[in-house]
Protein backbone atom coordinates (compact mmCIF):
# COMPACT_ATOMS: atom_id res chain seq x y z
CA MET A 1 -9.99 -63.96 65.28
CA PRO A 2 -10.56 -65.81 61.94
CA ALA A 3 -13.34 -68.34 61.66
CA ARG A 4 -12.41 -71.98 62.28
CA SER A 5 -13.25 -72.93 58.69
CA SER A 6 -10.68 -70.41 57.44
CA ILE A 7 -8.03 -71.97 59.64
CA ILE A 8 -8.89 -75.46 58.42
CA SER A 9 -8.82 -74.31 54.79
CA LEU A 10 -5.44 -72.66 55.28
CA GLU A 11 -4.09 -75.81 56.94
CA TYR A 12 -5.44 -77.90 54.06
CA VAL A 13 -3.88 -75.61 51.45
CA THR A 14 -0.55 -75.66 53.27
CA GLU A 15 -0.56 -79.46 53.61
CA SER A 16 -1.78 -79.92 50.04
CA THR A 17 0.96 -77.60 48.76
CA LYS A 18 3.58 -79.52 50.72
CA ASN A 19 2.36 -82.80 49.22
CA GLU A 20 2.33 -81.38 45.68
CA ARG A 21 5.84 -80.02 46.09
CA SER A 22 7.04 -83.34 47.44
CA VAL A 23 5.68 -85.15 44.37
CA ALA A 24 7.02 -82.47 42.00
CA ALA A 25 10.46 -82.60 43.59
CA LYS A 26 10.66 -86.35 42.94
CA ALA A 27 9.28 -86.18 39.40
CA ASP A 28 11.44 -87.34 36.53
CA ALA A 29 10.35 -84.42 34.35
CA PRO A 30 10.66 -80.66 34.62
CA ILE A 31 7.86 -79.14 36.67
CA PHE A 32 7.60 -75.45 37.46
CA GLY A 33 4.81 -73.25 38.69
CA ILE A 34 3.81 -69.64 39.03
CA ASP A 35 1.52 -67.78 41.38
CA SER A 36 -1.28 -65.51 40.15
CA PHE A 37 1.27 -62.72 39.61
CA GLY A 38 3.52 -64.80 37.34
CA ARG A 39 6.24 -65.33 39.94
CA VAL A 40 7.91 -68.73 40.18
CA ASN A 41 6.64 -70.72 43.17
CA GLU A 42 7.60 -74.23 42.04
CA TRP A 43 10.89 -75.31 40.44
CA ASN A 44 11.78 -78.97 40.75
CA ASP A 45 15.21 -80.58 40.44
CA GLU A 46 14.69 -81.49 36.77
CA THR A 47 13.89 -77.86 35.91
CA ALA A 48 16.98 -76.79 37.84
CA GLU A 49 19.10 -79.30 35.95
CA ILE A 50 17.83 -78.18 32.55
CA THR A 51 18.12 -74.45 33.22
CA GLY A 52 21.14 -74.35 35.51
CA TYR A 53 19.18 -72.20 37.99
CA SER A 54 18.57 -73.70 41.43
CA SER A 55 15.12 -73.44 42.95
CA LYS A 56 16.55 -70.91 45.41
CA GLU A 57 17.63 -68.72 42.47
CA ALA A 58 14.32 -69.12 40.62
CA LEU A 59 11.69 -68.85 43.35
CA GLY A 60 9.98 -65.46 43.46
CA LYS A 61 11.32 -64.34 40.08
CA PRO A 62 8.94 -63.47 37.21
CA LEU A 63 8.97 -66.61 35.05
CA VAL A 64 8.49 -65.08 31.63
CA SER A 65 10.80 -62.08 31.77
CA THR A 66 13.54 -63.96 33.63
CA PHE A 67 13.64 -67.42 32.03
CA ILE A 68 11.79 -67.41 28.68
CA VAL A 69 13.49 -66.30 25.44
CA SER A 70 12.28 -62.89 24.30
CA LYS A 71 10.73 -64.08 21.03
CA LEU A 72 8.25 -66.28 22.95
CA GLN A 73 7.53 -64.03 25.93
CA ALA A 74 4.29 -62.56 24.56
CA ILE A 75 2.95 -65.98 23.56
CA VAL A 76 3.88 -67.60 26.88
CA THR A 77 2.42 -64.67 28.82
CA ASN A 78 -0.85 -65.15 26.93
CA ILE A 79 -0.88 -68.90 27.63
CA LEU A 80 -0.23 -68.36 31.34
CA ASP A 81 -2.81 -65.55 31.57
CA THR A 82 -5.35 -67.85 29.90
CA ALA A 83 -4.53 -70.64 32.38
CA LEU A 84 -4.95 -68.13 35.22
CA GLN A 85 -8.50 -67.69 33.90
CA GLY A 86 -9.09 -71.45 34.06
CA LYS A 87 -8.46 -72.41 30.44
CA GLU A 88 -5.55 -74.83 30.24
CA THR A 89 -3.21 -75.33 27.28
CA SER A 90 -1.54 -78.55 26.16
CA ASN A 91 1.55 -79.03 24.05
CA TYR A 92 2.99 -75.56 23.83
CA GLU A 93 6.66 -74.95 23.23
CA LEU A 94 8.79 -73.15 25.77
CA GLU A 95 12.32 -72.01 25.23
CA PHE A 96 14.12 -71.49 28.52
CA THR A 97 17.25 -69.39 28.64
CA THR A 98 19.73 -71.25 30.80
CA LYS A 99 22.13 -69.76 33.30
CA SER A 100 24.90 -70.25 30.73
CA ASN A 101 22.79 -68.42 28.06
CA GLU A 102 21.91 -71.57 26.13
CA ILE A 103 18.38 -72.35 25.00
CA ARG A 104 16.46 -75.43 26.17
CA ASN A 105 13.25 -76.40 24.38
CA LEU A 106 10.42 -78.04 26.29
CA LEU A 107 6.98 -79.18 25.22
CA VAL A 108 4.77 -78.22 28.15
CA ASN A 109 1.21 -78.40 29.44
CA ALA A 110 -0.09 -75.42 31.43
CA THR A 111 -2.40 -76.62 34.20
CA THR A 112 -4.46 -74.28 36.34
CA ARG A 113 -3.81 -74.68 40.07
CA ARG A 114 -6.73 -74.20 42.44
CA ASP A 115 -7.21 -74.06 46.18
CA PRO A 116 -9.79 -76.29 47.97
CA ASP A 117 -12.50 -73.69 47.26
CA SER A 118 -11.70 -73.84 43.50
CA ASN A 119 -10.13 -70.38 43.45
CA ILE A 120 -7.34 -70.12 40.92
CA ILE A 121 -4.01 -69.68 42.68
CA GLY A 122 -1.52 -70.20 39.87
CA VAL A 123 -0.35 -72.33 36.98
CA GLU A 124 1.83 -75.41 36.88
CA GLY A 125 3.90 -76.37 33.86
CA VAL A 126 4.81 -80.01 33.29
CA GLU A 127 6.98 -81.16 30.42
CA GLU A 128 5.28 -83.59 28.10
CA LYS A 129 7.50 -86.32 26.74
CA GLU A 130 7.03 -87.63 23.23
CA TYR A 131 8.09 -91.06 22.12
CA ILE A 132 7.94 -92.64 18.68
CA ILE A 133 6.31 -96.06 18.78
CA ASN A 134 5.56 -97.89 15.52
CA ASP A 135 6.10 -94.68 13.53
CA GLU A 136 3.48 -92.82 15.61
CA ILE A 137 4.19 -90.11 18.12
CA THR A 138 2.82 -91.07 21.50
CA SER A 139 2.59 -88.28 24.05
CA PHE A 140 1.94 -88.58 27.74
CA LEU A 141 2.65 -86.73 30.91
CA TRP A 142 5.75 -88.05 32.58
CA TYR A 143 5.03 -87.84 36.25
CA ASP A 144 6.77 -90.21 38.63
CA GLY A 145 4.35 -90.22 41.54
CA SER A 146 6.70 -92.06 43.89
């Protein structure tokens, strides 16, 4: 039988993951995530709208080879591999191939996801919005936490 602390940690991870997915689902920006093997494990409604793929269609698929245009696959793989080592990347361009074979450009931040023991468990991508204010580009993460 597993130790009690393992059970508590697993319960925490499960509850934490549920809360993160709830926030991501409500976000007003595309949010997607991968596990440590590069398979999609998060795909919010905004990502589904932009790509034309539902979360049901995307979950479990390899992100890069399935959804990223071929000319950027090596670069995106490197960025995700680096994030899986704990080094995050801001403001990188992604080109998603949509279900209807169109291309959608996103400016994304790759954030390392960790469990309660700080073990790396994946990467989350959040689109960064850019707005021009007084002739200056102002960037910020668009994350509706409601």
